[in-house]
């Protein structure tokens, strides 16, 4: 993830510093330094989330191929290393073939 930020924002740019301080710092500390009760977030794979939603009675909605193509085009404007694939009904945003985050729709 950090490499993808390096491509778009120089280290001394105000926007990058703001993102790192307000959006990423707490998450980084949480993942690296905290365990047990101190740890606030535990990142899980999409498969686990999908199982939980299905057990709770939700149904997955298909994602829009138009939206996927627009997002893919926008990502190419920033770097050819961004990836966007649809697997098992989820959209996976990645950097250099490493998935960073997934999105899916349920009802």
Protein backbone atom coordinates (compact mmCIF):
# COMPACT_ATOMS: atom_id res chain seq x y z
CA UNK A 1 0.00 0.00 0.00
CA UNK A 2 2.74 2.45 0.91
CA UNK A 3 4.51 1.91 -2.39
CA UNK A 4 1.32 2.90 -4.20
CA UNK A 5 1.22 6.15 -2.21
CA UNK A 6 4.87 6.85 -3.10
CA UNK A 7 4.00 6.74 -6.80
CA UNK A 8 1.37 9.48 -6.52
CA UNK A 9 2.39 11.71 -3.63
CA UNK A 10 5.90 12.93 -2.75
CA UNK A 11 6.83 12.39 0.89
CA UNK A 12 6.88 16.11 1.68
CA UNK A 13 3.49 16.94 0.12
CA UNK A 14 0.86 18.26 2.55
CA UNK A 15 -1.88 15.91 1.34
CA UNK A 16 0.30 12.85 1.88
CA UNK A 17 1.36 13.95 5.35
CA UNK A 18 -2.29 14.53 6.24
CA UNK A 19 -3.34 11.09 4.94
CA UNK A 20 -0.52 9.40 6.85
CA UNK A 21 -1.25 11.25 10.10
CA UNK A 22 -5.04 11.11 10.07
CA UNK A 23 -5.86 7.92 8.18
CA UNK A 24 -2.95 5.51 8.41
CA UNK A 25 -0.97 6.12 11.60
CA UNK A 26 -3.51 4.62 13.99
CA UNK A 27 -4.07 1.58 11.76
CA UNK A 28 -0.34 0.93 11.44
CA UNK A 29 0.20 1.07 15.19
CA UNK A 30 -2.84 -1.13 15.75
CA UNK A 31 -1.67 -3.84 13.33
CA UNK A 32 2.02 -3.81 14.28
CA UNK A 33 2.11 -3.06 18.00
CA UNK A 34 -1.20 -4.20 19.51
CA UNK A 35 -2.39 -7.66 20.48
CA UNK A 36 -5.17 -9.09 22.60
CA UNK A 37 -7.63 -6.58 24.04
CA UNK A 38 -5.48 -3.63 22.90
CA UNK A 39 -5.96 -4.51 19.24
CA UNK A 40 -8.97 -2.69 17.83
CA UNK A 41 -9.07 -4.02 14.27
CA UNK A 42 -8.45 -7.43 12.83
CA UNK A 43 -8.35 -7.48 9.07
CA UNK A 44 -10.01 -10.56 7.60
CA UNK A 45 -10.23 -12.13 4.19
CA UNK A 46 -13.28 -11.56 2.01
CA UNK A 47 -14.22 -15.25 2.24
CA UNK A 48 -14.82 -14.94 5.99
CA UNK A 49 -16.95 -11.83 5.55
CA UNK A 50 -18.92 -13.51 2.77
CA UNK A 51 -19.66 -16.50 5.01
CA UNK A 52 -20.83 -14.24 7.83
CA UNK A 53 -23.16 -12.29 5.57
CA UNK A 54 -24.63 -15.47 4.10
CA UNK A 55 -25.17 -17.02 7.54
CA UNK A 56 -26.97 -13.83 8.58
CA UNK A 57 -29.36 -14.22 5.65
CA UNK A 58 -27.95 -11.63 3.27
CA UNK A 59 -27.68 -12.20 -0.47
CA UNK A 60 -24.89 -10.89 -2.62
CA UNK A 61 -25.77 -8.42 -5.40
CA UNK A 62 -23.91 -8.43 -8.71
CA UNK A 63 -21.55 -5.53 -9.23
CA UNK A 64 -21.93 -3.16 -12.17
CA UNK A 65 -19.59 -3.96 -15.06
CA UNK A 66 -19.88 -0.30 -16.13
CA UNK A 67 -18.71 0.93 -12.71
CA UNK A 68 -15.85 -1.59 -12.77
CA UNK A 69 -14.69 -0.34 -16.19
CA UNK A 70 -14.85 3.32 -15.10
CA UNK A 71 -12.82 2.57 -11.95
CA UNK A 72 -10.29 0.56 -13.97
CA UNK A 73 -9.86 3.49 -16.41
CA UNK A 74 -9.40 5.96 -13.56
CA UNK A 75 -6.79 3.75 -11.91
CA UNK A 76 -4.78 3.56 -15.14
CA UNK A 77 -4.53 7.37 -15.06
CA UNK A 78 -2.53 7.10 -11.84
CA UNK A 79 -0.37 4.03 -12.39
CA UNK A 80 -0.33 0.84 -14.43
CA UNK A 81 0.48 -1.06 -11.24
CA UNK A 82 -3.03 -0.71 -9.81
CA UNK A 83 -5.23 -3.73 -10.39
CA UNK A 84 -8.96 -4.20 -10.24
CA UNK A 85 -10.38 -7.69 -10.55
CA UNK A 86 -13.75 -9.21 -9.83
CA UNK A 87 -13.57 -12.52 -8.01
CA UNK A 88 -16.44 -14.38 -6.43
CA UNK A 89 -18.74 -11.36 -6.71
CA UNK A 90 -16.32 -8.94 -5.05
CA UNK A 91 -14.24 -6.16 -6.56
CA UNK A 92 -10.62 -6.37 -5.41
CA UNK A 93 -8.40 -3.31 -5.63
CA UNK A 94 -4.72 -4.15 -5.64
CA UNK A 95 -1.23 -2.90 -6.18
CA UNK A 96 1.16 -5.01 -8.26
CA UNK A 97 -1.15 -8.03 -8.07
CA UNK A 98 -1.45 -7.85 -4.28
CA UNK A 99 -5.03 -7.28 -3.17
CA UNK A 100 -5.40 -4.39 -0.74
CA UNK A 101 -9.15 -4.10 -0.23
CA UNK A 102 -12.36 -5.66 -1.43
CA UNK A 103 -15.83 -4.27 -2.04
CA UNK A 104 -19.10 -6.14 -2.45
CA UNK A 105 -22.81 -5.39 -2.30
CA UNK A 106 -25.40 -7.23 -0.21
CA UNK A 107 -29.13 -7.02 0.53
